[in-house]
Amino acid sequence: MKKYVIATIIFSVIKIQGIAQEARDALMFSRYYAGSTARSTAMGGAFGALGGDVSVLSTNPAGLALFRSSEFTFSPTLNIAATQAKFDGRLFPRSSNTRFILNNIGYVHTKEYQRERGLMSLNFGMAYNRLSDFNFATRVSTVSATSSLLDEFVLFANVDDWSEHYEGIAENTFVLFKPDEYGDYINDFMLEDRYGQLQSRRISSRGGVGEYAFSLGFNINHNIYLGATLGIQDISYNEYSLHEEITPNDFIYLQRFTFTDDYTVSGLGLNFKSGVIYRPISMLRVGAALHTPTKIWLRPDHYTRMETVWNESPYEGQKAFWDDASTDPFDEDRKFQLRTPWRYMFSAAAIVGTFGAVSAEVEIIDYTENYITPQLFHSGANKDIVQYHKTVANIKTGAEYRLGSLSFRGGFALFANPYKKLPDVPAEIGTLSYSGGIGFRTREFYLDAAYSFTKHPERMHHLYQHFHGDANTNLQTDAHKAILTFGFRF
C-alpha cells in the first residue's frame, strides 16, 4: 500500500526516504520496552536472572519458579509522552499526550513439595503485562512559498498511483482536477501559481502492545529453575492527523481546506517462551530465555475526510461552498499477518545477602526476520525490512538496596538503533531509559513506586512526502512513566 500508517513518527527515525511504511509498522509492533511492574521498571527491566516478579512471565518465565508464596499484583500507571517540534529554527510549544493505563495485573499460585531433592515447587502464573506504548502528540505550522499537500495528490494522480483515500477524496472536493479531457491533473495552487498559504499539521496517536501470559515454573533442587509461557498479545494502534491550509486574503478561488486522516489497526498475536535460571552458588544467578516469533493477525481500518471552502468557486458558479468526502474502511482482504523475530535473552544477577542485588541483561533481536504476509501485497515491504533493518543487542541493568522494610532501586536500559548505517544518514545511539523507585514490603503486602524517563532519538517528519523545498520538521519525544504496584501475598 502506498500510504499505510506513519508509524515511526512515534518511536523511530524517518530519515530513510525509500523504506515502505509497512516495514516501519513491523518494527513498531516488534519493539518492546522495560515496563510491567514498578519494581522491574525501576531496575531497568533487568529481571531475567533475578526472578520473583510478575514481569518475568513475559521475559524469562523461569523466574516464576523463584516465587516462595502465592501473590496477586496490579500496577496503575500514568504515561506522558512530551514532544518538542522544531521547524526552520523555530521551536514550537511542547505537546503532551497523557494516558492512564494498567501496566500490569497478575496472579501467581505456588505449590511447594516437602522433598530433599528433585522438584521442590511447581508454580502457575497468569498476568497481563504492557510491553510498549504508542502515545504521541505534536503540532507544527509554517507558511509555504513553494508547495501544498495538494501537490502530493497531483504527483500520485499523474503517475497512476491513485488512492480513494487521498487523490479520490481531493477530486471529489474539486481541489484536484483536469483542466481539459487530455491534460494532467492540477490543483488550484498550480492554477493560480500562488502559494504563500499557512499550513498546519496536528498529529496524535495512542495504543500499545499488551500480553496475556500463562506460565509454569519448576524449582529443581533450589538451584535450577525452569519456566514456560504461552503469550497472547493484544495490539492496538490509532493515528489521527489533521492538515489545514489557509490561503492569503487575495487568493481568488480557494479560501482553505482541511484534510483528516484517521487510521486504526488492531490484532492478536501468539507466541511461546521458555527459560532457565541456574544458581551455581547462593549469591549468583545466571539466566537465559528464548522467545519464538510472534504470529500477529492484524486488521486495519482507514477513514479520511476533506473539506474545502471557497471565496469564489470556478466550478459551480457559487460565491462560497464547502464539500467533503469520506472513504469506507479497508476491504476485508486488506487484513495482513506479521511474524516478528526470534528473541534471545541472557542475564546474570548477584544477590548481596539481605542488602540487595545487582543485575544485567542482554537481549538479541534480528529485525530483518520481520515478515509480512500475504507476500503478494507486501513484497516491497519485506525487501525493505531486509535492506534497512539489522540485528541489535539491547542492554538492561539494575540495582536494589534494602534497608529494613524499604528498598531503593535504580536502572538503565539502552534499546539499540534498529536501522543500518546508510550514507548521509547520521548514526544514532538508540533509545535511552533511566529509572528509579522505592518499595515498602511486609510479610503479606508490598507497595512499589517507580518513575522512568525514556529519551527517544530525534526524528524527522515531513508535512508531506514530496515537498519542493525544506519541509523537514525535527521532533524530539521524551516519555515519562509513573507506576504504582500493589502486591498481596498469601
Protein backbone atom coordinates (compact mmCIF):
# COMPACT_ATOMS: atom_id res chain seq x y z
CA MET A 1 0.00 0.00 0.00
CA LYS A 2 1.22 3.46 -0.84
CA LYS A 3 0.39 5.15 2.44
CA TYR A 4 -0.21 2.72 5.24
CA VAL A 5 0.49 4.48 8.53
CA ILE A 6 3.21 6.87 9.63
CA ALA A 7 4.19 4.51 12.40
CA THR A 8 7.71 5.68 13.12
CA ILE A 9 6.62 9.23 13.78
CA ILE A 10 6.25 7.73 17.23
CA PHE A 11 9.46 5.91 18.03
CA SER A 12 11.83 5.79 15.07
CA VAL A 13 13.82 7.92 12.69
CA ILE A 14 12.12 8.97 9.45
CA LYS A 15 15.31 9.76 7.58
CA ILE A 16 15.29 6.77 5.25
CA GLN A 17 13.05 8.03 2.49
CA GLY A 18 12.78 4.83 0.46
CA ILE A 19 11.60 2.50 3.22
CA ALA A 20 7.99 1.31 2.99
CA GLN A 21 5.69 2.34 5.78
CA GLU A 22 4.57 -1.26 6.24
CA ALA A 23 8.19 -2.11 7.14
CA ARG A 24 8.13 0.57 9.82
CA ASP A 25 4.85 -0.84 11.13
CA ALA A 26 6.51 -4.24 11.52
CA LEU A 27 9.31 -2.64 13.51
CA MET A 28 6.90 -0.76 15.76
CA PHE A 29 4.92 -3.88 16.67
CA SER A 30 8.05 -5.92 17.43
CA ARG A 31 9.92 -3.46 19.70
CA TYR A 32 9.27 -3.77 23.43
CA TYR A 33 10.48 -1.58 26.28
CA ALA A 34 11.13 -2.09 30.00
CA GLY A 35 7.93 -1.96 32.00
CA SER A 36 5.23 -4.07 33.65
CA THR A 37 5.59 -3.77 37.46
CA ALA A 38 7.07 -0.82 39.33
CA ARG A 39 9.93 -2.94 40.68
CA SER A 40 11.02 -4.20 37.26
CA THR A 41 10.64 -0.72 35.73
CA ALA A 42 12.74 0.88 38.48
CA MET A 43 15.52 -1.65 37.81
CA GLY A 44 15.54 -1.10 34.05
CA GLY A 45 13.68 -4.33 33.27
CA ALA A 46 16.77 -6.40 34.17
CA PHE A 47 14.92 -9.27 35.87
CA GLY A 48 15.84 -12.20 33.65
CA ALA A 49 18.05 -13.81 36.31
CA LEU A 50 16.53 -12.28 39.45
CA GLY A 51 13.01 -13.67 39.01
CA GLY A 52 10.34 -13.46 41.69
CA ASP A 53 8.45 -10.68 39.89
CA VAL A 54 5.32 -10.98 37.73
CA SER A 55 7.07 -9.16 34.87
CA VAL A 56 9.22 -12.26 34.21
CA LEU A 57 6.23 -14.13 32.77
CA SER A 58 6.80 -12.07 29.60
CA THR A 59 10.62 -12.12 29.69
CA ASN A 60 12.18 -15.17 31.38
CA PRO A 61 9.41 -17.44 32.72
CA ALA A 62 11.98 -19.42 34.75
CA GLY A 63 11.79 -16.54 37.22
CA LEU A 64 8.28 -17.73 38.12
CA ALA A 65 9.85 -20.72 39.91
CA LEU A 66 11.56 -18.36 42.39
CA PHE A 67 8.27 -17.29 43.99
CA ARG A 68 8.00 -18.70 47.52
CA SER A 69 4.37 -17.71 48.10
CA SER A 70 1.23 -17.00 46.12
CA GLU A 71 0.73 -13.37 45.05
CA PHE A 72 -1.71 -11.00 43.41
CA THR A 73 -0.46 -7.74 41.95
CA PHE A 74 -1.66 -4.82 39.85
CA SER A 75 0.05 -1.66 38.56
CA PRO A 76 -1.89 1.51 37.63
CA THR A 77 0.29 3.82 35.54
CA LEU A 78 0.47 7.42 34.37
CA ASN A 79 2.06 7.65 30.92
CA ILE A 80 3.09 11.03 29.45
CA ALA A 81 4.72 11.49 26.03
CA ALA A 82 6.01 15.05 25.52
CA THR A 83 7.15 16.11 22.05
CA GLN A 84 9.13 19.22 21.03
CA ALA A 85 8.89 20.20 17.36
CA LYS A 86 11.49 22.34 15.58
CA PHE A 87 10.97 23.79 12.11
CA ASP A 88 13.23 26.29 10.31
CA GLY A 89 14.96 27.19 13.58
CA ARG A 90 11.68 27.80 15.41
CA LEU A 91 10.71 25.77 18.47
CA PHE A 92 7.01 25.05 18.83
CA PRO A 93 5.28 24.66 22.22
CA ARG A 94 5.79 21.20 23.68
CA SER A 95 2.81 18.90 23.10
CA SER A 96 1.89 16.19 25.59
CA ASN A 97 -0.21 13.07 25.34
CA THR A 98 -1.25 11.81 28.80
CA ARG A 99 -2.81 8.40 29.40
CA PHE A 100 -3.79 6.42 32.47
CA ILE A 101 -3.23 2.72 31.78
CA LEU A 102 -2.98 -0.58 33.59
CA ASN A 103 0.62 -1.62 33.14
CA ASN A 104 0.28 -4.97 34.87
CA ILE A 105 -2.13 -7.27 36.67
CA GLY A 106 -1.16 -10.80 37.65
CA TYR A 107 -1.63 -13.79 39.90
CA VAL A 108 0.90 -16.45 40.94
CA HIS A 109 -0.01 -19.70 42.68
CA THR A 110 2.77 -21.60 44.44
CA LYS A 111 2.71 -25.32 45.23
CA GLU A 112 5.63 -26.49 47.39
CA TYR A 113 6.73 -30.09 47.96
CA GLN A 114 8.42 -31.33 51.12
CA ARG A 115 11.32 -33.14 49.49
CA GLU A 116 15.07 -33.27 49.96
CA ARG A 117 15.80 -33.35 46.24
CA GLY A 118 14.02 -33.13 42.90
CA LEU A 119 11.03 -30.93 42.19
CA MET A 120 10.79 -28.56 45.13
CA SER A 121 7.90 -26.41 43.88
CA LEU A 122 5.57 -26.06 40.93
CA ASN A 123 4.24 -22.56 40.28
CA PHE A 124 1.50 -21.33 37.99
CA GLY A 125 1.12 -17.73 36.93
CA MET A 126 -1.09 -15.64 34.70
CA ALA A 127 -0.67 -11.96 34.04
CA TYR A 128 -1.25 -9.04 31.73
CA ASN A 129 1.97 -7.11 31.03
CA ARG A 130 2.23 -3.94 28.95
CA LEU A 131 5.13 -4.27 26.52
CA SER A 132 5.07 -0.95 24.62
CA ASP A 133 3.08 2.26 24.23
CA PHE A 134 2.35 4.38 21.16
CA ASN A 135 1.22 7.62 22.83
CA PHE A 136 2.33 10.72 20.96
CA ALA A 137 1.10 14.22 20.03
CA THR A 138 2.54 17.22 18.23
CA ARG A 139 1.54 20.23 16.14
CA VAL A 140 3.56 22.23 13.62
CA SER A 141 2.75 25.11 11.31
CA THR A 142 4.55 27.08 8.61
CA VAL A 143 3.97 29.42 5.69
CA SER A 144 4.77 27.66 2.42
CA ALA A 145 6.06 29.64 -0.53
CA THR A 146 6.51 26.74 -2.91
CA SER A 147 4.05 23.88 -2.43
CA SER A 148 0.93 22.36 -0.89
CA LEU A 149 -0.32 18.97 0.25
CA LEU A 150 -2.42 19.13 -2.90
CA ASP A 151 0.82 18.95 -4.94
CA GLU A 152 1.43 15.49 -3.50
CA PHE A 153 -2.04 14.39 -4.58
CA VAL A 154 -1.29 15.71 -8.06
CA LEU A 155 2.01 13.84 -8.21
CA PHE A 156 0.48 10.47 -7.34
CA ALA A 157 -2.57 11.02 -9.53
CA ASN A 158 -0.44 11.73 -12.59
CA VAL A 159 1.66 8.57 -12.15
CA ASP A 160 -1.48 6.45 -11.75
CA ASP A 161 -0.77 5.68 -8.10
CA TRP A 162 -4.35 6.54 -7.22
CA SER A 163 -5.99 6.04 -3.83
CA GLU A 164 -9.60 6.81 -2.97
CA HIS A 165 -8.39 7.80 0.48
CA TYR A 166 -6.22 10.60 -0.93
CA GLU A 167 -6.42 11.50 -4.61
CA GLY A 168 -10.03 10.36 -4.90
CA ILE A 169 -11.16 12.48 -1.99
CA ALA A 170 -9.30 15.51 -3.39
CA GLU A 171 -11.05 15.11 -6.74
CA ASN A 172 -14.45 14.76 -5.05
CA THR A 173 -13.93 18.09 -3.28
CA PHE A 174 -12.82 19.78 -6.54
CA VAL A 175 -9.28 20.73 -5.46
CA LEU A 176 -7.81 18.11 -7.80
CA PHE A 177 -8.97 18.33 -11.38
CA LYS A 178 -8.02 18.18 -15.06
CA PRO A 179 -8.27 21.46 -16.97
CA ASP A 180 -9.15 19.51 -20.10
CA GLU A 181 -10.00 15.95 -21.07
CA TYR A 182 -6.46 15.01 -22.13
CA GLY A 183 -4.43 17.01 -19.63
CA ASP A 184 -2.74 16.04 -16.40
CA TYR A 185 -4.25 16.67 -13.00
CA ILE A 186 -3.53 20.02 -11.38
CA ASN A 187 -4.79 21.86 -8.28
CA ASP A 188 -5.87 25.38 -7.50
CA PHE A 189 -2.43 26.47 -6.34
CA MET A 190 -0.98 25.42 -9.67
CA LEU A 191 -3.86 27.11 -11.46
CA GLU A 192 -3.07 30.42 -9.81
CA ASP A 193 0.65 29.78 -9.30
CA ARG A 194 0.19 31.45 -5.96
CA TYR A 195 1.32 29.77 -2.76
CA GLY A 196 2.26 31.52 0.50
CA GLN A 197 -0.52 29.76 2.41
CA LEU A 198 -0.42 28.94 6.13
CA GLN A 199 -0.10 25.20 6.69
CA SER A 200 -0.58 23.38 9.98
CA ARG A 201 -0.48 19.71 10.92
CA ARG A 202 -1.74 18.18 14.16
CA ILE A 203 -0.86 14.54 14.83
CA SER A 204 -1.70 12.28 17.74
CA SER A 205 -1.55 8.57 18.36
CA ARG A 206 -2.40 6.09 21.06
CA GLY A 207 -2.36 2.36 21.71
CA GLY A 208 0.21 -0.23 22.59
CA VAL A 209 1.17 -3.88 22.79
CA GLY A 210 -0.01 -5.86 25.79
CA GLU A 211 0.49 -9.54 26.54
CA TYR A 212 -1.62 -12.07 28.42
CA ALA A 213 0.88 -14.60 29.78
CA PHE A 214 0.06 -18.09 31.08
CA SER A 215 3.11 -19.67 32.67
CA LEU A 216 4.50 -22.65 34.57
CA GLY A 217 7.66 -22.60 36.70
CA PHE A 218 9.64 -25.56 38.07
CA ASN A 219 12.07 -25.32 41.01
CA ILE A 220 14.55 -28.21 40.94
CA ASN A 221 16.86 -28.62 43.96
CA HIS A 222 16.70 -24.85 44.62
CA ASN A 223 19.44 -24.25 42.07
CA ILE A 224 17.84 -24.98 38.68
CA TYR A 225 14.70 -23.11 37.69
CA LEU A 226 12.75 -23.80 34.52
CA GLY A 227 9.77 -21.99 33.03
CA ALA A 228 7.50 -21.74 30.01
CA THR A 229 4.92 -19.17 28.89
CA LEU A 230 2.14 -19.11 26.35
CA GLY A 231 1.75 -15.45 25.33
CA ILE A 232 -1.32 -13.94 23.71
CA GLN A 233 -0.70 -10.38 22.55
CA ASP A 234 -3.27 -7.62 22.16
CA ILE A 235 -2.18 -4.97 19.64
CA SER A 236 -3.94 -1.66 19.12
CA TYR A 237 -2.80 1.48 17.32
CA ASN A 238 -4.61 4.63 16.25
CA GLU A 239 -3.13 7.60 14.45
CA TYR A 240 -5.08 10.76 13.81
CA SER A 241 -3.82 13.69 11.76
CA LEU A 242 -5.47 16.94 10.72
CA HIS A 243 -3.85 19.01 7.95
CA GLU A 244 -5.12 22.52 7.23
CA GLU A 245 -4.08 25.13 4.69
CA ILE A 246 -5.39 28.72 4.67
CA THR A 247 -4.68 30.83 1.60
CA PRO A 248 -3.68 34.52 1.56
CA ASN A 249 -6.52 37.05 1.61
CA ASP A 250 -6.08 37.98 -2.06
CA PHE A 251 -6.40 34.40 -3.29
CA ILE A 252 -9.13 34.38 -5.94
CA TYR A 253 -10.76 30.99 -5.53
CA LEU A 254 -9.81 28.63 -2.70
CA GLN A 255 -10.08 30.02 0.82
CA ARG A 256 -8.97 27.00 2.84
CA PHE A 257 -9.14 23.23 3.09
CA THR A 258 -8.77 20.63 5.84
CA PHE A 259 -7.80 17.01 5.39
CA THR A 260 -8.35 14.44 8.13
CA ASP A 261 -6.64 11.05 8.15
CA ASP A 262 -7.74 8.55 10.82
CA TYR A 263 -6.05 5.14 10.81
CA THR A 264 -6.61 2.28 13.24
CA VAL A 265 -5.09 -1.19 13.31
CA SER A 266 -5.85 -3.89 15.84
CA GLY A 267 -4.96 -7.53 16.17
CA LEU A 268 -3.97 -10.56 18.21
CA GLY A 269 -0.64 -12.34 18.42
CA LEU A 270 0.54 -15.72 19.69
CA ASN A 271 3.99 -16.80 20.92
CA PHE A 272 5.81 -19.20 23.23
CA LYS A 273 8.65 -18.52 25.66
CA SER A 274 10.96 -20.80 27.60
CA GLY A 275 13.67 -20.01 30.09
CA VAL A 276 16.18 -21.30 32.62
CA ILE A 277 17.94 -19.86 35.67
CA TYR A 278 20.93 -21.59 37.25
CA ARG A 279 22.29 -20.79 40.70
CA PRO A 280 25.84 -22.23 40.98
CA ILE A 281 26.38 -20.53 44.36
CA SER A 282 23.93 -18.84 46.70
CA MET A 283 24.80 -15.29 45.66
CA LEU A 284 24.94 -15.78 41.87
CA ARG A 285 22.22 -16.47 39.30
CA VAL A 286 22.58 -16.74 35.54
CA GLY A 287 19.65 -17.00 33.15
CA ALA A 288 18.68 -17.46 29.54
CA ALA A 289 15.38 -17.27 27.67
CA LEU A 290 14.17 -17.97 24.16
CA HIS A 291 11.10 -16.32 22.60
CA THR A 292 9.59 -17.75 19.45
CA PRO A 293 8.40 -15.35 16.75
CA THR A 294 5.01 -13.83 17.48
CA LYS A 295 2.43 -14.53 14.80
CA ILE A 296 0.16 -11.48 14.67
CA TRP A 297 -3.15 -11.23 12.80
CA LEU A 298 -3.94 -7.57 12.08
CA ARG A 299 -6.95 -5.71 10.72
CA PRO A 300 -6.66 -2.07 9.59
CA ASP A 301 -9.46 0.49 9.31
CA HIS A 302 -8.97 3.77 7.49
CA TYR A 303 -11.11 6.89 7.34
CA THR A 304 -10.31 10.15 5.54
CA ARG A 305 -12.30 13.36 5.15
CA MET A 306 -11.72 16.59 3.27
CA GLU A 307 -13.50 19.94 3.47
CA THR A 308 -12.96 22.88 1.12
CA VAL A 309 -14.13 26.47 1.47
CA TRP A 310 -14.08 28.89 -1.47
CA ASN A 311 -14.08 32.64 -1.87
CA GLU A 312 -15.46 32.07 -5.35
CA SER A 313 -15.98 28.71 -7.00
CA PRO A 314 -14.76 28.31 -10.55
CA TYR A 315 -16.68 25.03 -10.79
CA GLU A 316 -20.22 25.58 -9.52
CA GLY A 317 -20.70 29.29 -10.08
CA GLN A 318 -21.27 29.82 -6.36
CA LYS A 319 -19.70 32.53 -4.25
CA ALA A 320 -18.78 30.09 -1.49
CA PHE A 321 -19.37 26.47 -0.69
CA TRP A 322 -17.81 23.55 1.11
CA ASP A 323 -17.77 19.91 0.31
CA ASP A 324 -16.45 16.77 1.90
CA ALA A 325 -15.96 13.13 1.06
CA SER A 326 -15.48 10.19 3.40
CA THR A 327 -13.92 6.89 2.48
CA ASP A 328 -15.00 3.47 3.64
CA PRO A 329 -12.81 1.22 5.81
CA PHE A 330 -10.36 -1.09 4.13
CA ASP A 331 -11.85 -4.13 2.46
CA GLU A 332 -11.85 -7.46 4.25
CA ASP A 333 -9.00 -8.72 2.05
CA ARG A 334 -6.70 -5.98 3.40
CA LYS A 335 -6.13 -7.98 6.58
CA PHE A 336 -2.49 -8.96 6.96
CA GLN A 337 -0.20 -11.00 9.18
CA LEU A 338 3.13 -10.17 10.78
CA ARG A 339 5.75 -12.64 12.00
CA THR A 340 8.17 -10.99 14.42
CA PRO A 341 11.80 -12.11 15.05
CA TRP A 342 13.17 -14.70 17.46
CA ARG A 343 14.40 -13.15 20.73
CA TYR A 344 17.39 -14.41 22.74
CA MET A 345 17.92 -13.17 26.30
CA PHE A 346 20.94 -13.70 28.57
CA SER A 347 21.12 -12.41 32.12
CA ALA A 348 23.05 -12.50 35.38
CA ALA A 349 22.37 -11.28 38.91
CA ALA A 350 24.31 -11.10 42.16
CA ILE A 351 22.44 -11.28 45.47
CA VAL A 352 24.32 -9.45 48.23
CA GLY A 353 22.96 -11.13 51.34
CA THR A 354 19.94 -9.28 52.68
CA PHE A 355 21.28 -5.93 51.47
CA GLY A 356 20.19 -6.01 47.84
CA ALA A 357 21.07 -7.13 44.34
CA VAL A 358 22.58 -6.05 41.04
CA SER A 359 21.51 -7.44 37.68
CA ALA A 360 22.14 -7.14 33.97
CA GLU A 361 20.51 -8.50 30.83
CA VAL A 362 21.26 -8.58 27.11
CA GLU A 363 18.50 -9.12 24.55
CA ILE A 364 19.45 -10.03 20.96
CA ILE A 365 16.95 -9.49 18.13
CA ASP A 366 17.40 -9.70 14.36
CA TYR A 367 14.82 -7.27 12.97
CA THR A 368 15.48 -8.45 9.41
CA GLU A 369 13.42 -11.53 10.39
CA ASN A 370 10.19 -9.48 10.48
CA TYR A 371 7.97 -10.80 7.70
CA ILE A 372 4.59 -9.59 6.41
CA THR A 373 2.05 -11.71 4.54
CA PRO A 374 0.38 -12.06 2.13
CA GLN A 375 3.59 -11.69 0.15
CA LEU A 376 1.65 -10.64 -2.95
CA PHE A 377 0.81 -7.25 -1.40
CA HIS A 378 3.87 -6.78 0.81
CA SER A 379 6.89 -7.97 -1.19
CA GLY A 380 8.32 -4.43 -1.29
CA ALA A 381 7.98 -4.01 2.46
CA ASN A 382 9.68 -7.36 3.11
CA LYS A 383 12.59 -6.33 0.87
CA ASP A 384 12.89 -3.05 2.79
CA ILE A 385 12.93 -4.95 6.10
CA VAL A 386 15.97 -6.95 4.96
CA GLN A 387 17.68 -3.94 3.37
CA TYR A 388 17.26 -1.34 6.12
CA HIS A 389 16.90 -3.21 9.43
CA LYS A 390 19.58 -5.07 11.37
CA THR A 391 20.39 -7.21 14.40
CA VAL A 392 20.56 -5.35 17.71
CA ALA A 393 21.61 -6.04 21.30
CA ASN A 394 19.51 -4.26 23.92
CA ILE A 395 21.15 -3.81 27.33
CA LYS A 396 19.33 -3.52 30.67
CA THR A 397 20.91 -3.01 34.11
CA GLY A 398 19.51 -2.51 37.58
CA ALA A 399 20.34 -2.40 41.27
CA GLU A 400 18.40 -2.66 44.53
CA TYR A 401 19.44 -1.70 48.05
CA ARG A 402 17.37 -2.90 51.01
CA LEU A 403 17.13 -1.09 54.30
CA GLY A 404 14.78 -3.00 56.55
CA SER A 405 11.31 -2.98 55.01
CA LEU A 406 12.33 -0.29 52.48
CA SER A 407 14.04 -0.85 49.13
CA PHE A 408 15.73 1.73 46.90
CA ARG A 409 16.18 0.95 43.20
CA GLY A 410 17.73 2.33 40.05
CA GLY A 411 18.14 1.19 36.47
CA PHE A 412 19.27 1.98 32.96
CA ALA A 413 18.38 0.49 29.58
CA LEU A 414 19.69 1.02 26.06
CA PHE A 415 17.43 -0.07 23.19
CA ALA A 416 19.77 -0.08 20.21
CA ASN A 417 19.13 1.64 16.88
CA PRO A 418 17.41 -0.96 14.63
CA TYR A 419 18.42 0.74 11.35
CA LYS A 420 21.55 0.05 9.33
CA LYS A 421 24.01 2.89 8.81
CA LEU A 422 23.33 4.47 5.44
CA PRO A 423 25.20 7.23 3.55
CA ASP A 424 24.17 10.76 4.55
CA VAL A 425 22.08 9.43 7.45
CA PRO A 426 23.51 10.41 10.86
CA ALA A 427 24.11 7.46 13.18
CA GLU A 428 22.09 7.31 16.37
CA ILE A 429 22.81 5.60 19.65
CA GLY A 430 19.26 4.37 20.16
CA THR A 431 16.61 4.86 22.83
CA LEU A 432 17.81 5.53 26.39
CA SER A 433 15.77 4.82 29.50
CA TYR A 434 16.63 5.95 33.05
CA SER A 435 14.59 4.78 36.02
CA GLY A 436 14.37 4.70 39.79
CA GLY A 437 11.99 3.78 42.54
CA ILE A 438 11.26 2.82 46.12
CA GLY A 439 9.46 -0.09 47.70
CA PHE A 440 7.87 -0.97 51.04
CA ARG A 441 7.37 -4.65 51.96
CA THR A 442 5.81 -6.62 54.77
CA ARG A 443 5.12 -10.32 55.01
CA GLU A 444 1.66 -10.02 53.41
CA PHE A 445 1.72 -6.75 51.45
CA TYR A 446 4.05 -4.62 49.38
CA LEU A 447 3.83 -1.27 47.64
CA ASP A 448 6.33 -0.25 44.96
CA ALA A 449 6.66 3.08 43.16
CA ALA A 450 8.76 3.79 40.08
CA TYR A 451 9.48 6.57 37.61
CA SER A 452 11.13 6.12 34.22
CA PHE A 453 12.34 8.68 31.74
CA THR A 454 12.80 7.45 28.16
CA LYS A 455 14.54 9.64 25.61
CA HIS A 456 13.80 8.66 22.02
CA PRO A 457 16.14 9.70 19.20
CA GLU A 458 15.36 12.90 17.34
CA ARG A 459 13.48 12.06 14.19
CA MET A 460 12.29 13.82 11.10
CA HIS A 461 8.69 14.30 9.97
CA HIS A 462 7.52 15.73 6.66
CA LEU A 463 4.34 17.68 6.19
CA TYR A 464 4.08 15.53 3.08
CA GLN A 465 6.40 13.32 1.10
CA HIS A 466 7.18 15.45 -1.96
CA PHE A 467 7.90 18.99 -0.84
CA HIS A 468 9.73 21.26 -3.28
CA GLY A 469 11.90 22.76 -0.60
CA ASP A 470 12.76 22.09 3.04
CA ALA A 471 9.69 20.82 4.87
CA ASN A 472 11.56 18.74 7.42
CA THR A 473 10.38 19.07 10.99
CA ASN A 474 12.61 17.69 13.74
CA LEU A 475 10.71 16.01 16.56
CA GLN A 476 12.10 15.09 19.98
CA THR A 477 9.91 12.89 22.17
CA ASP A 478 10.52 12.20 25.86
CA ALA A 479 8.34 9.60 27.58
CA HIS A 480 7.60 9.79 31.30
CA LYS A 481 6.03 6.92 33.20
CA ALA A 482 4.97 6.78 36.86
CA ILE A 483 3.92 3.37 38.19
CA LEU A 484 2.47 2.13 41.47
CA THR A 485 2.36 -1.61 42.12
CA PHE A 486 0.17 -3.05 44.84
CA GLY A 487 1.04 -6.62 45.84
CA PHE A 488 -0.65 -9.08 48.19
CA ARG A 489 0.92 -12.33 49.45
CA PHE A 490 -1.00 -15.29 50.78
